[in-house]
Amino acid sequence: MNTDVKQIQEQVQSASAKFSVLRQEISNTIVGQSYMIDRLLIGLLSNGHILLEGVPGLAKTLCVTTLAKAVKADFKRIQFTPDLLPADLIGTMIYDPKDGSFKTKKGPIFANLILADEINRAPAKVQSALLEAMQEHQVTIGDQSFALDEPFLVLATQNPIEQEGTYPLPEAQVDRFMLKLRITYPNKKEEKEIQKRMASTNVKCEVNQIITPAEILEARKIVDSIYIDEKVSDYILDIIFATREPEAYKLPFKDYIQYGASPRATIALTIAAKAHAFLEGRGFVTPQDVKSIGPDVLRHRVIVSYEAEAEGMTSDDLVQKIFDEVQVP
């Protein structure tokens, strides 16, 4: 096994160098926000969709568009609005009066990278139109199903503070996102740099193409091969089961969790931990990889009860307590 890990380590170090260059290229445009940049790369490596939540003006959209420019792939930005229809997203059948037939007109969902901007501004029927594409990587128009090109990634943004004219995402759709990121303000030093770069009436951000879709798919194969010890696998299971049966782990907040994380969370946490190890240049997963990426995988999958809300407890608080209390191997 040690020989296998050594070979994997060499492959990871060789392949991850390209992603270090990609990270640097994005950082040339985006000041700070290293957490957001790293998580976007983890989503790219893990074949997992990402939901970015933060107040306006934190460069969420700019970061996604910069990533898309740095990846040599098809990119579409969809501005979600209350009057958007499912056909505007996935496409529809167009009647041709010449021969009386219907022809398929594909929508903007047919791209490698999709930016679903302000996703919570569209009604439930439009949000639901994304479900098949996100889970099955295919779209059904009329009686035909069309496979989406790989890699296919939905990167969605939403504003957590504005409720007027918004539609909360249903749990079934939120669960389709591998990661939910909480984007925060930059520090004073970073904001000073933003001021220098961006306080102009004519800002131009030149981004070089660093990586191709084929290279991303090849890197995913290496991520899949990264070694994860049985003890680390059991640690992931302990974390997940602690969200469902906290009393079994001597955690005093059974009444605070309405629903725990599903098996999809177990899968997502395992793959994301491997991708985190890949970005760190390691061919094996450590418990620290799990702890680093865990809150982003679980915060939207742990549904708090009314008792927790009454006491001001959030899912982030509960997830953090679980990671603090569950024994690390």
C-alpha atoms as a PDB file:
ATOM      1  CA  MET A   1       0.000   0.000   0.000  1.00  0.00           C
ATOM      2  CA  ASN A   2       2.906   2.370   0.797  1.00  0.00           C
ATOM      3  CA  THR A   3       4.220   1.942  -2.763  1.00  0.00           C
ATOM      4  CA  ASP A   4       0.758   2.759  -4.148  1.00  0.00           C
ATOM      5  CA  VAL A   5       0.496   5.883  -2.002  1.00  0.00           C
ATOM      6  CA  LYS A   6       3.953   6.978  -3.156  1.00  0.00           C
ATOM      7  CA  GLN A   7       2.907   6.619  -6.803  1.00  0.00           C
ATOM      8  CA  ILE A   8      -0.328   8.514  -6.152  1.00  0.00           C
ATOM      9  CA  GLN A   9       1.698  11.209  -4.360  1.00  0.00           C
ATOM     10  CA  GLU A  10       3.881  11.697  -7.430  1.00  0.00           C
ATOM     11  CA  GLN A  11       0.838  11.900  -9.719  1.00  0.00           C
ATOM     12  CA  VAL A  12      -0.872  14.397  -7.406  1.00  0.00           C
ATOM     13  CA  GLN A  13       2.174  16.661  -7.148  1.00  0.00           C
ATOM     14  CA  SER A  14       2.546  16.697 -10.918  1.00  0.00           C
ATOM     15  CA  ALA A  15      -1.158  17.339 -11.661  1.00  0.00           C
ATOM     16  CA  SER A  16      -1.819  19.782  -8.805  1.00  0.00           C
ATOM     17  CA  ALA A  17       0.886  22.143 -10.114  1.00  0.00           C
ATOM     18  CA  LYS A  18      -1.471  23.137 -12.941  1.00  0.00           C
ATOM     19  CA  PHE A  19      -4.184  23.985 -10.419  1.00  0.00           C
ATOM     20  CA  SER A  20      -1.722  26.084  -8.423  1.00  0.00           C
ATOM     21  CA  VAL A  21      -1.168  28.131 -11.576  1.00  0.00           C
ATOM     22  CA  LEU A  22      -4.959  28.331 -12.061  1.00  0.00           C
ATOM     23  CA  ARG A  23      -5.394  29.521  -8.464  1.00  0.00           C
ATOM     24  CA  GLN A  24      -2.733  32.197  -8.994  1.00  0.00           C
ATOM     25  CA  GLU A  25      -4.340  33.354 -12.243  1.00  0.00           C
ATOM     26  CA  ILE A  26      -7.679  33.864 -10.479  1.00  0.00           C
ATOM     27  CA  SER A  27      -5.903  35.628  -7.585  1.00  0.00           C
ATOM     28  CA  ASN A  28      -4.428  38.099 -10.078  1.00  0.00           C
ATOM     29  CA  THR A  29      -7.971  39.439 -10.533  1.00  0.00           C
ATOM     30  CA  ILE A  30      -9.618  38.596  -7.196  1.00  0.00           C
ATOM     31  CA  VAL A  31      -7.996  40.193  -4.155  1.00  0.00           C
ATOM     32  CA  GLY A  32      -8.089  37.946  -1.087  1.00  0.00           C
ATOM     33  CA  GLN A  33     -11.050  35.529  -0.948  1.00  0.00           C
ATOM     34  CA  SER A  34      -8.640  32.571  -0.993  1.00  0.00           C
ATOM     35  CA  TYR A  35     -11.315  30.502   0.755  1.00  0.00           C
ATOM     36  CA  MET A  36     -13.781  31.079  -2.093  1.00  0.00           C
ATOM     37  CA  ILE A  37     -11.168  30.434  -4.797  1.00  0.00           C
ATOM     38  CA  ASP A  38     -10.041  27.153  -3.209  1.00  0.00           C
ATOM     39  CA  ARG A  39     -13.639  25.949  -2.813  1.00  0.00           C
ATOM     40  CA  LEU A  40     -14.397  26.704  -6.459  1.00  0.00           C
ATOM     41  CA  LEU A  41     -11.399  24.588  -7.465  1.00  0.00           C
ATOM     42  CA  ILE A  42     -12.559  21.800  -5.130  1.00  0.00           C
ATOM     43  CA  GLY A  43     -15.974  21.889  -6.839  1.00  0.00           C
ATOM     44  CA  LEU A  44     -14.264  21.675 -10.216  1.00  0.00           C
ATOM     45  CA  LEU A  45     -12.186  18.682  -9.090  1.00  0.00           C
ATOM     46  CA  SER A  46     -15.065  16.960  -7.264  1.00  0.00           C
ATOM     47  CA  ASN A  47     -17.683  17.285 -10.002  1.00  0.00           C
ATOM     48  CA  GLY A  48     -19.825  19.110  -7.449  1.00  0.00           C
ATOM     49  CA  HIS A  49     -22.066  22.162  -7.775  1.00  0.00           C
ATOM     50  CA  ILE A  50     -21.506  25.158  -5.500  1.00  0.00           C
ATOM     51  CA  LEU A  51     -23.856  27.668  -3.866  1.00  0.00           C
ATOM     52  CA  LEU A  52     -22.198  30.961  -2.931  1.00  0.00           C
ATOM     53  CA  GLU A  53     -24.018  33.016  -0.316  1.00  0.00           C
ATOM     54  CA  GLY A  54     -22.965  36.515   0.659  1.00  0.00           C
ATOM     55  CA  VAL A  55     -24.056  40.133   0.695  1.00  0.00           C
ATOM     56  CA  PRO A  56     -23.756  42.097  -2.585  1.00  0.00           C
ATOM     57  CA  GLY A  57     -20.359  43.398  -3.615  1.00  0.00           C
ATOM     58  CA  LEU A  58     -18.098  40.581  -2.380  1.00  0.00           C
ATOM     59  CA  ALA A  59     -16.913  39.566  -5.886  1.00  0.00           C
ATOM     60  CA  LYS A  60     -18.939  36.325  -6.040  1.00  0.00           C
ATOM     61  CA  THR A  61     -19.930  36.833  -9.674  1.00  0.00           C
ATOM     62  CA  LEU A  62     -16.510  38.224 -10.628  1.00  0.00           C
ATOM     63  CA  CYS A  63     -14.772  35.207  -9.110  1.00  0.00           C
ATOM     64  CA  VAL A  64     -16.948  32.745 -11.046  1.00  0.00           C
ATOM     65  CA  THR A  65     -16.531  34.620 -14.351  1.00  0.00           C
ATOM     66  CA  THR A  66     -12.754  34.813 -13.787  1.00  0.00           C
ATOM     67  CA  LEU A  67     -12.648  31.040 -13.202  1.00  0.00           C
ATOM     68  CA  ALA A  68     -14.647  30.501 -16.396  1.00  0.00           C
ATOM     69  CA  LYS A  69     -12.193  32.633 -18.401  1.00  0.00           C
ATOM     70  CA  ALA A  70      -9.237  30.725 -16.981  1.00  0.00           C
ATOM     71  CA  VAL A  71     -10.822  27.405 -18.001  1.00  0.00           C
ATOM     72  CA  LYS A  72     -10.985  26.802 -21.744  1.00  0.00           C
ATOM     73  CA  ALA A  73     -14.644  25.774 -21.665  1.00  0.00           C
ATOM     74  CA  ASP A  74     -18.123  26.968 -22.609  1.00  0.00           C
ATOM     75  CA  PHE A  75     -19.530  29.408 -20.062  1.00  0.00           C
ATOM     76  CA  LYS A  76     -23.037  30.829 -19.719  1.00  0.00           C
ATOM     77  CA  ARG A  77     -24.332  33.342 -17.218  1.00  0.00           C
ATOM     78  CA  ILE A  78     -28.055  33.160 -16.443  1.00  0.00           C
ATOM     79  CA  GLN A  79     -29.577  36.062 -14.554  1.00  0.00           C
ATOM     80  CA  PHE A  80     -32.440  34.586 -12.530  1.00  0.00           C
ATOM     81  CA  THR A  81     -35.491  36.867 -12.397  1.00  0.00           C
ATOM     82  CA  PRO A  82     -39.117  36.435 -11.236  1.00  0.00           C
ATOM     83  CA  ASP A  83     -40.374  36.252 -14.842  1.00  0.00           C
ATOM     84  CA  LEU A  84     -37.904  33.554 -15.946  1.00  0.00           C
ATOM     85  CA  LEU A  85     -39.476  30.365 -17.359  1.00  0.00           C
ATOM     86  CA  PRO A  86     -38.086  26.803 -17.386  1.00  0.00           C
ATOM     87  CA  ALA A  87     -37.882  26.988 -21.190  1.00  0.00           C
ATOM     88  CA  ASP A  88     -35.596  30.040 -20.862  1.00  0.00           C
ATOM     89  CA  LEU A  89     -33.211  27.805 -18.971  1.00  0.00           C
ATOM     90  CA  ILE A  90     -33.282  24.349 -20.567  1.00  0.00           C
ATOM     91  CA  GLY A  91     -34.787  25.114 -23.992  1.00  0.00           C
ATOM     92  CA  THR A  92     -38.025  24.175 -25.716  1.00  0.00           C
ATOM     93  CA  MET A  93     -39.639  22.677 -28.815  1.00  0.00           C
ATOM     94  CA  ILE A  94     -40.193  25.134 -31.702  1.00  0.00           C
ATOM     95  CA  TYR A  95     -42.930  24.460 -34.259  1.00  0.00           C
ATOM     96  CA  ASP A  96     -41.789  24.646 -37.877  1.00  0.00           C
ATOM     97  CA  PRO A  97     -44.821  25.516 -40.096  1.00  0.00           C
ATOM     98  CA  LYS A  98     -42.942  24.518 -43.274  1.00  0.00           C
ATOM     99  CA  ASP A  99     -43.083  20.807 -42.584  1.00  0.00           C
ATOM    100  CA  GLY A 100     -45.327  20.722 -39.507  1.00  0.00           C
ATOM    101  CA  SER A 101     -42.561  19.353 -37.283  1.00  0.00           C
ATOM    102  CA  PHE A 102     -41.138  20.433 -33.928  1.00  0.00           C
ATOM    103  CA  LYS A 103     -37.456  21.252 -33.598  1.00  0.00           C
ATOM    104  CA  THR A 104     -35.438  21.427 -30.406  1.00  0.00           C
ATOM    105  CA  LYS A 105     -33.994  24.777 -29.369  1.00  0.00           C
ATOM    106  CA  LYS A 106     -31.467  24.220 -26.611  1.00  0.00           C
ATOM    107  CA  GLY A 107     -31.232  26.673 -23.739  1.00  0.00           C
ATOM    108  CA  PRO A 108     -28.196  28.226 -22.014  1.00  0.00           C
ATOM    109  CA  ILE A 109     -27.929  25.242 -19.635  1.00  0.00           C
ATOM    110  CA  PHE A 110     -25.951  23.515 -22.410  1.00  0.00           C
ATOM    111  CA  ALA A 111     -22.503  24.726 -21.346  1.00  0.00           C
ATOM    112  CA  ASN A 112     -19.641  23.464 -19.176  1.00  0.00           C
ATOM    113  CA  LEU A 113     -19.834  26.171 -16.534  1.00  0.00           C
ATOM    114  CA  ILE A 114     -23.153  27.770 -15.573  1.00  0.00           C
ATOM    115  CA  LEU A 115     -23.368  30.873 -13.417  1.00  0.00           C
ATOM    116  CA  ALA A 116     -26.876  30.946 -11.925  1.00  0.00           C
ATOM    117  CA  ASP A 117     -26.801  34.527 -10.681  1.00  0.00           C
ATOM    118  CA  GLU A 118     -29.210  35.424  -7.857  1.00  0.00           C
ATOM    119  CA  ILE A 119     -30.748  31.940  -8.074  1.00  0.00           C
ATOM    120  CA  ASN A 120     -33.296  32.692  -5.344  1.00  0.00           C
ATOM    121  CA  ARG A 121     -34.933  35.406  -7.471  1.00  0.00           C
ATOM    122  CA  ALA A 122     -36.599  32.859  -9.768  1.00  0.00           C
ATOM    123  CA  PRO A 123     -39.786  30.968  -8.790  1.00  0.00           C
ATOM    124  CA  ALA A 124     -39.795  27.299  -7.732  1.00  0.00           C
ATOM    125  CA  LYS A 125     -40.703  25.931 -11.189  1.00  0.00           C
ATOM    126  CA  VAL A 126     -37.530  27.448 -12.683  1.00  0.00           C
ATOM    127  CA  GLN A 127     -35.362  26.291  -9.785  1.00  0.00           C
ATOM    128  CA  SER A 128     -36.817  22.788 -10.211  1.00  0.00           C
ATOM    129  CA  ALA A 129     -35.844  22.802 -13.890  1.00  0.00           C
ATOM    130  CA  LEU A 130     -32.234  22.673 -12.713  1.00  0.00           C
ATOM    131  CA  LEU A 131     -32.685  19.477 -10.683  1.00  0.00           C
ATOM    132  CA  GLU A 132     -32.340  16.976 -13.520  1.00  0.00           C
ATOM    133  CA  ALA A 133     -29.376  18.827 -15.011  1.00  0.00           C
ATOM    134  CA  MET A 134     -27.560  19.021 -11.663  1.00  0.00           C
ATOM    135  CA  GLN A 135     -28.154  15.418 -10.616  1.00  0.00           C
ATOM    136  CA  GLU A 136     -28.250  13.465 -13.880  1.00  0.00           C
ATOM    137  CA  HIS A 137     -26.161  15.770 -16.101  1.00  0.00           C
ATOM    138  CA  GLN A 138     -28.884  15.595 -18.701  1.00  0.00           C
ATOM    139  CA  VAL A 139     -31.899  17.657 -19.781  1.00  0.00           C
ATOM    140  CA  THR A 140     -35.263  16.436 -21.049  1.00  0.00           C
ATOM    141  CA  ILE A 141     -36.981  18.594 -23.684  1.00  0.00           C
ATOM    142  CA  GLY A 142     -40.266  17.200 -24.956  1.00  0.00           C
ATOM    143  CA  ASP A 143     -39.786  13.436 -25.184  1.00  0.00           C
ATOM    144  CA  GLN A 144     -36.025  13.568 -25.732  1.00  0.00           C
ATOM    145  CA  SER A 145     -33.173  13.541 -23.219  1.00  0.00           C
ATOM    146  CA  PHE A 146     -29.926  15.328 -24.039  1.00  0.00           C
ATOM    147  CA  ALA A 147     -26.651  14.630 -22.217  1.00  0.00           C
ATOM    148  CA  LEU A 148     -24.710  17.670 -21.022  1.00  0.00           C
ATOM    149  CA  ASP A 149     -21.034  18.054 -21.906  1.00  0.00           C
ATOM    150  CA  GLU A 150     -18.465  17.244 -19.218  1.00  0.00           C
ATOM    151  CA  PRO A 151     -17.324  18.877 -17.091  1.00  0.00           C
ATOM    152  CA  PHE A 152     -20.684  20.387 -16.118  1.00  0.00           C
ATOM    153  CA  LEU A 153     -20.803  22.653 -13.089  1.00  0.00           C
ATOM    154  CA  VAL A 154     -23.509  24.934 -11.698  1.00  0.00           C
ATOM    155  CA  LEU A 155     -22.146  27.816  -9.652  1.00  0.00           C
ATOM    156  CA  ALA A 156     -25.041  29.697  -8.077  1.00  0.00           C
ATOM    157  CA  THR A 157     -25.078  32.929  -6.081  1.00  0.00           C
ATOM    158  CA  GLN A 158     -27.669  34.205  -3.652  1.00  0.00           C
ATOM    159  CA  ASN A 159     -28.104  37.154  -1.305  1.00  0.00           C
ATOM    160  CA  PRO A 160     -28.895  36.058   2.286  1.00  0.00           C
ATOM    161  CA  ILE A 161     -30.208  39.379   3.598  1.00  0.00           C
ATOM    162  CA  GLU A 162     -32.749  40.446   0.992  1.00  0.00           C
ATOM    163  CA  GLN A 163     -36.149  38.769   1.232  1.00  0.00           C
ATOM    164  CA  GLU A 164     -38.206  41.068  -1.004  1.00  0.00           C
ATOM    165  CA  GLY A 165     -38.881  39.411  -4.368  1.00  0.00           C
ATOM    166  CA  THR A 166     -36.964  36.227  -3.544  1.00  0.00           C
ATOM    167  CA  TYR A 167     -37.988  32.576  -3.384  1.00  0.00           C
ATOM    168  CA  PRO A 168     -36.174  30.358  -0.848  1.00  0.00           C
ATOM    169  CA  LEU A 169     -34.526  27.333  -2.447  1.00  0.00           C
ATOM    170  CA  PRO A 170     -36.295  24.039  -1.603  1.00  0.00           C
ATOM    171  CA  GLU A 171     -34.299  21.551   0.486  1.00  0.00           C
ATOM    172  CA  ALA A 172     -34.264  19.037  -2.400  1.00  0.00           C
ATOM    173  CA  GLN A 173     -32.418  21.510  -4.586  1.00  0.00           C
ATOM    174  CA  VAL A 174     -30.092  22.851  -1.908  1.00  0.00           C
ATOM    175  CA  ASP A 175     -29.008  19.251  -1.262  1.00  0.00           C
ATOM    176  CA  ARG A 176     -27.879  18.983  -4.909  1.00  0.00           C
ATOM    177  CA  PHE A 177     -25.136  21.512  -4.182  1.00  0.00           C
ATOM    178  CA  MET A 178     -22.018  19.755  -2.942  1.00  0.00           C
ATOM    179  CA  LEU A 179     -20.783  22.892  -1.159  1.00  0.00           C
ATOM    180  CA  LYS A 180     -22.483  25.941   0.273  1.00  0.00           C
ATOM    181  CA  LEU A 181     -20.027  28.781   0.837  1.00  0.00           C
ATOM    182  CA  ARG A 182     -20.487  31.692   3.218  1.00  0.00           C
ATOM    183  CA  ILE A 183     -18.585  34.589   1.679  1.00  0.00           C
ATOM    184  CA  THR A 184     -17.420  37.263   4.151  1.00  0.00           C
ATOM    185  CA  TYR A 185     -15.914  40.734   3.922  1.00  0.00           C
ATOM    186  CA  PRO A 186     -12.224  41.201   3.055  1.00  0.00           C
ATOM    187  CA  ASN A 187      -9.864  42.527   5.714  1.00  0.00           C
ATOM    188  CA  LYS A 188      -8.624  46.121   5.673  1.00  0.00           C
ATOM    189  CA  LYS A 189      -5.354  45.321   3.889  1.00  0.00           C
ATOM    190  CA  GLU A 190      -7.185  43.398   1.152  1.00  0.00           C
ATOM    191  CA  GLU A 191      -9.742  46.163   0.753  1.00  0.00           C
ATOM    192  CA  LYS A 192      -6.940  48.699   0.359  1.00  0.00           C
ATOM    193  CA  GLU A 193      -5.619  46.614  -2.548  1.00  0.00           C
ATOM    194  CA  ILE A 194      -9.150  46.368  -4.018  1.00  0.00           C
ATOM    195  CA  GLN A 195      -9.381  50.148  -3.792  1.00  0.00           C
ATOM    196  CA  LYS A 196      -6.125  50.565  -5.728  1.00  0.00           C
ATOM    197  CA  ARG A 197      -7.078  48.079  -8.459  1.00  0.00           C
ATOM    198  CA  MET A 198     -10.769  48.700  -8.920  1.00  0.00           C
ATOM    199  CA  ALA A 199     -11.447  52.351  -8.096  1.00  0.00           C
ATOM    200  CA  SER A 200     -11.424  53.348 -11.751  1.00  0.00           C
ATOM    201  CA  THR A 201     -14.027  54.076 -14.400  1.00  0.00           C
ATOM    202  CA  ASN A 202     -12.311  51.703 -16.832  1.00  0.00           C
ATOM    203  CA  VAL A 203     -11.252  48.485 -15.107  1.00  0.00           C
ATOM    204  CA  LYS A 204     -10.049  45.729 -17.432  1.00  0.00           C
ATOM    205  CA  CYS A 205      -9.316  42.270 -16.084  1.00  0.00           C
ATOM    206  CA  GLU A 206      -7.192  40.236 -18.464  1.00  0.00           C
ATOM    207  CA  VAL A 207      -7.361  36.513 -17.682  1.00  0.00           C
ATOM    208  CA  ASN A 208      -5.223  33.860 -19.364  1.00  0.00           C
ATOM    209  CA  GLN A 209      -6.616  30.426 -20.187  1.00  0.00           C
ATOM    210  CA  ILE A 210      -4.768  27.986 -17.984  1.00  0.00           C
ATOM    211  CA  ILE A 211      -6.534  24.626 -18.170  1.00  0.00           C
ATOM    212  CA  THR A 212      -8.751  22.641 -20.546  1.00  0.00           C
ATOM    213  CA  PRO A 213     -11.799  20.452 -19.837  1.00  0.00           C
ATOM    214  CA  ALA A 214      -9.755  17.349 -20.748  1.00  0.00           C
ATOM    215  CA  GLU A 215      -7.153  18.250 -18.110  1.00  0.00           C
ATOM    216  CA  ILE A 216      -9.891  18.731 -15.504  1.00  0.00           C
ATOM    217  CA  LEU A 217     -11.365  15.299 -16.277  1.00  0.00           C
ATOM    218  CA  GLU A 218      -7.878  13.766 -16.054  1.00  0.00           C
ATOM    219  CA  ALA A 219      -7.295  15.447 -12.696  1.00  0.00           C
ATOM    220  CA  ARG A 220     -10.596  14.031 -11.422  1.00  0.00           C
ATOM    221  CA  LYS A 221      -9.310  10.508 -12.099  1.00  0.00           C
ATOM    222  CA  ILE A 222      -6.282  11.253  -9.908  1.00  0.00           C
ATOM    223  CA  VAL A 223      -8.559  12.686  -7.193  1.00  0.00           C
ATOM    224  CA  ASP A 224     -10.554   9.426  -7.240  1.00  0.00           C
ATOM    225  CA  SER A 225      -7.353   7.430  -6.722  1.00  0.00           C
ATOM    226  CA  ILE A 226      -6.216   9.415  -3.650  1.00  0.00           C
ATOM    227  CA  TYR A 227      -5.783   7.083  -0.675  1.00  0.00           C
ATOM    228  CA  ILE A 228      -8.179   7.367   2.262  1.00  0.00           C
ATOM    229  CA  ASP A 229      -7.456   5.261   5.323  1.00  0.00           C
ATOM    230  CA  GLU A 230     -10.196   3.178   6.933  1.00  0.00           C
ATOM    231  CA  LYS A 231      -9.948   5.267  10.109  1.00  0.00           C
ATOM    232  CA  VAL A 232     -10.530   8.488   8.161  1.00  0.00           C
ATOM    233  CA  SER A 233     -13.497   6.892   6.354  1.00  0.00           C
ATOM    234  CA  ASP A 234     -14.946   5.921   9.747  1.00  0.00           C
ATOM    235  CA  TYR A 235     -14.347   9.472  10.989  1.00  0.00           C
ATOM    236  CA  ILE A 236     -16.432  10.821   8.096  1.00  0.00           C
ATOM    237  CA  LEU A 237     -19.208   8.363   8.977  1.00  0.00           C
ATOM    238  CA  ASP A 238     -19.051   9.410  12.627  1.00  0.00           C
ATOM    239  CA  ILE A 239     -19.472  13.061  11.631  1.00  0.00           C
ATOM    240  CA  ILE A 240     -22.483  12.275   9.423  1.00  0.00           C
ATOM    241  CA  PHE A 241     -24.143   9.991  11.974  1.00  0.00           C
ATOM    242  CA  ALA A 242     -23.598  12.594  14.701  1.00  0.00           C
ATOM    243  CA  THR A 243     -25.932  14.902  12.740  1.00  0.00           C
ATOM    244  CA  ARG A 244     -28.623  12.191  12.819  1.00  0.00           C
ATOM    245  CA  GLU A 245     -28.065  10.614  16.253  1.00  0.00           C
ATOM    246  CA  PRO A 246     -26.230  13.220  18.367  1.00  0.00           C
ATOM    247  CA  GLU A 247     -27.114  11.433  21.619  1.00  0.00           C
ATOM    248  CA  ALA A 248     -25.098   8.388  20.473  1.00  0.00           C
ATOM    249  CA  TYR A 249     -22.015  10.627  20.458  1.00  0.00           C
ATOM    250  CA  LYS A 250     -22.892  12.268  23.801  1.00  0.00           C
ATOM    251  CA  LEU A 251     -23.825  15.523  22.095  1.00  0.00           C
ATOM    252  CA  PRO A 252     -26.546  17.421  23.999  1.00  0.00           C
ATOM    253  CA  PHE A 253     -28.525  18.849  21.104  1.00  0.00           C
ATOM    254  CA  LYS A 254     -30.871  16.128  19.895  1.00  0.00           C
ATOM    255  CA  ASP A 255     -33.794  18.582  20.036  1.00  0.00           C
ATOM    256  CA  TYR A 256     -31.901  21.149  17.978  1.00  0.00           C
ATOM    257  CA  ILE A 257     -31.591  19.066  14.779  1.00  0.00           C
ATOM    258  CA  GLN A 258     -34.763  18.409  12.799  1.00  0.00           C
ATOM    259  CA  TYR A 259     -33.056  16.497   9.971  1.00  0.00           C
ATOM    260  CA  GLY A 260     -29.482  15.282   9.741  1.00  0.00           C
ATOM    261  CA  ALA A 261     -27.265  14.813   6.712  1.00  0.00           C
ATOM    262  CA  SER A 262     -28.142  12.171   4.109  1.00  0.00           C
ATOM    263  CA  PRO A 263     -25.856   9.568   2.458  1.00  0.00           C
ATOM    264  CA  ARG A 264     -25.301  12.134  -0.302  1.00  0.00           C
ATOM    265  CA  ALA A 265     -23.424  14.160   2.318  1.00  0.00           C
ATOM    266  CA  THR A 266     -21.186  11.163   3.105  1.00  0.00           C
ATOM    267  CA  ILE A 267     -20.295  10.840  -0.570  1.00  0.00           C
ATOM    268  CA  ALA A 268     -19.762  14.597  -0.979  1.00  0.00           C
ATOM    269  CA  LEU A 269     -17.574  14.887   2.126  1.00  0.00           C
ATOM    270  CA  THR A 270     -15.382  11.969   1.035  1.00  0.00           C
ATOM    271  CA  ILE A 271     -14.838  13.301  -2.497  1.00  0.00           C
ATOM    272  CA  ALA A 272     -14.350  16.899  -1.324  1.00  0.00           C
ATOM    273  CA  ALA A 273     -11.776  15.769   1.273  1.00  0.00           C
ATOM    274  CA  LYS A 274      -9.855  13.991  -1.502  1.00  0.00           C
ATOM    275  CA  ALA A 275      -9.988  17.139  -3.672  1.00  0.00           C
ATOM    276  CA  HIS A 276      -8.758  19.214  -0.712  1.00  0.00           C
ATOM    277  CA  ALA A 277      -5.821  16.827  -0.293  1.00  0.00           C
ATOM    278  CA  PHE A 278      -5.127  17.113  -4.043  1.00  0.00           C
ATOM    279  CA  LEU A 279      -4.882  20.914  -3.842  1.00  0.00           C
ATOM    280  CA  GLU A 280      -2.518  20.519  -0.887  1.00  0.00           C
ATOM    281  CA  GLY A 281      -0.335  18.270  -3.061  1.00  0.00           C
ATOM    282  CA  ARG A 282      -0.970  15.103  -1.047  1.00  0.00           C
ATOM    283  CA  GLY A 283      -1.873  11.629  -2.260  1.00  0.00           C
ATOM    284  CA  PHE A 284      -3.719  10.736   0.937  1.00  0.00           C
ATOM    285  CA  VAL A 285      -6.540  12.220   3.023  1.00  0.00           C
ATOM    286  CA  THR A 286      -5.981  13.421   6.603  1.00  0.00           C
ATOM    287  CA  PRO A 287      -8.630  14.232   9.237  1.00  0.00           C
ATOM    288  CA  GLN A 288      -7.693  17.893   8.770  1.00  0.00           C
ATOM    289  CA  ASP A 289      -8.906  17.716   5.142  1.00  0.00           C
ATOM    290  CA  VAL A 290     -12.268  16.494   6.462  1.00  0.00           C
ATOM    291  CA  LYS A 291     -12.419  19.240   9.114  1.00  0.00           C
ATOM    292  CA  SER A 292     -11.435  21.945   6.614  1.00  0.00           C
ATOM    293  CA  ILE A 293     -14.081  21.154   4.004  1.00  0.00           C
ATOM    294  CA  GLY A 294     -16.726  19.628   6.322  1.00  0.00           C
ATOM    295  CA  PRO A 295     -18.647  22.809   7.263  1.00  0.00           C
ATOM    296  CA  ASP A 296     -19.112  23.699   3.577  1.00  0.00           C
ATOM    297  CA  VAL A 297     -20.523  20.226   2.861  1.00  0.00           C
ATOM    298  CA  LEU A 298     -22.828  20.077   5.900  1.00  0.00           C
ATOM    299  CA  ARG A 299     -24.106  23.587   6.688  1.00  0.00           C
ATOM    300  CA  HIS A 300     -26.985  23.339   4.189  1.00  0.00           C
ATOM    301  CA  ARG A 301     -27.756  19.690   4.946  1.00  0.00           C
ATOM    302  CA  VAL A 302     -28.343  19.976   8.686  1.00  0.00           C
ATOM    303  CA  ILE A 303     -31.855  21.382   9.221  1.00  0.00           C
ATOM    304  CA  VAL A 304     -32.250  23.038  12.624  1.00  0.00           C
ATOM    305  CA  SER A 305     -35.420  22.761  14.708  1.00  0.00           C
ATOM    306  CA  TYR A 306     -37.632  25.556  16.062  1.00  0.00           C
ATOM    307  CA  GLU A 307     -35.973  25.089  19.474  1.00  0.00           C
ATOM    308  CA  ALA A 308     -32.567  25.821  17.952  1.00  0.00           C
ATOM    309  CA  GLU A 309     -33.878  28.900  16.150  1.00  0.00           C
ATOM    310  CA  ALA A 310     -35.457  30.123  19.385  1.00  0.00           C
ATOM    311  CA  GLU A 311     -32.080  29.900  21.098  1.00  0.00           C
ATOM    312  CA  GLY A 312     -30.274  31.540  18.193  1.00  0.00           C
ATOM    313  CA  MET A 313     -28.473  28.353  17.115  1.00  0.00           C
ATOM    314  CA  THR A 314     -27.638  28.019  13.418  1.00  0.00           C
ATOM    315  CA  SER A 315     -26.639  24.962  11.411  1.00  0.00           C
ATOM    316  CA  ASP A 316     -23.093  26.372  11.316  1.00  0.00           C
ATOM    317  CA  ASP A 317     -23.002  26.406  15.132  1.00  0.00           C
ATOM    318  CA  LEU A 318     -24.198  22.795  15.369  1.00  0.00           C
ATOM    319  CA  VAL A 319     -21.833  21.527  12.669  1.00  0.00           C
ATOM    320  CA  GLN A 320     -18.902  23.235  14.395  1.00  0.00           C
ATOM    321  CA  LYS A 321     -19.845  21.640  17.742  1.00  0.00           C
ATOM    322  CA  ILE A 322     -19.970  18.227  16.057  1.00  0.00           C
ATOM    323  CA  PHE A 323     -16.470  18.677  14.622  1.00  0.00           C
ATOM    324  CA  ASP A 324     -15.233  19.907  18.015  1.00  0.00           C
ATOM    325  CA  GLU A 325     -16.668  16.950  19.933  1.00  0.00           C
ATOM    326  CA  VAL A 326     -16.422  13.895  17.641  1.00  0.00           C
ATOM    327  CA  GLN A 327     -13.169  12.058  18.304  1.00  0.00           C
ATOM    328  CA  VAL A 328     -10.503  12.529  15.638  1.00  0.00           C
ATOM    329  CA  PRO A 329      -8.556   9.380  14.649  1.00  0.00           C
END
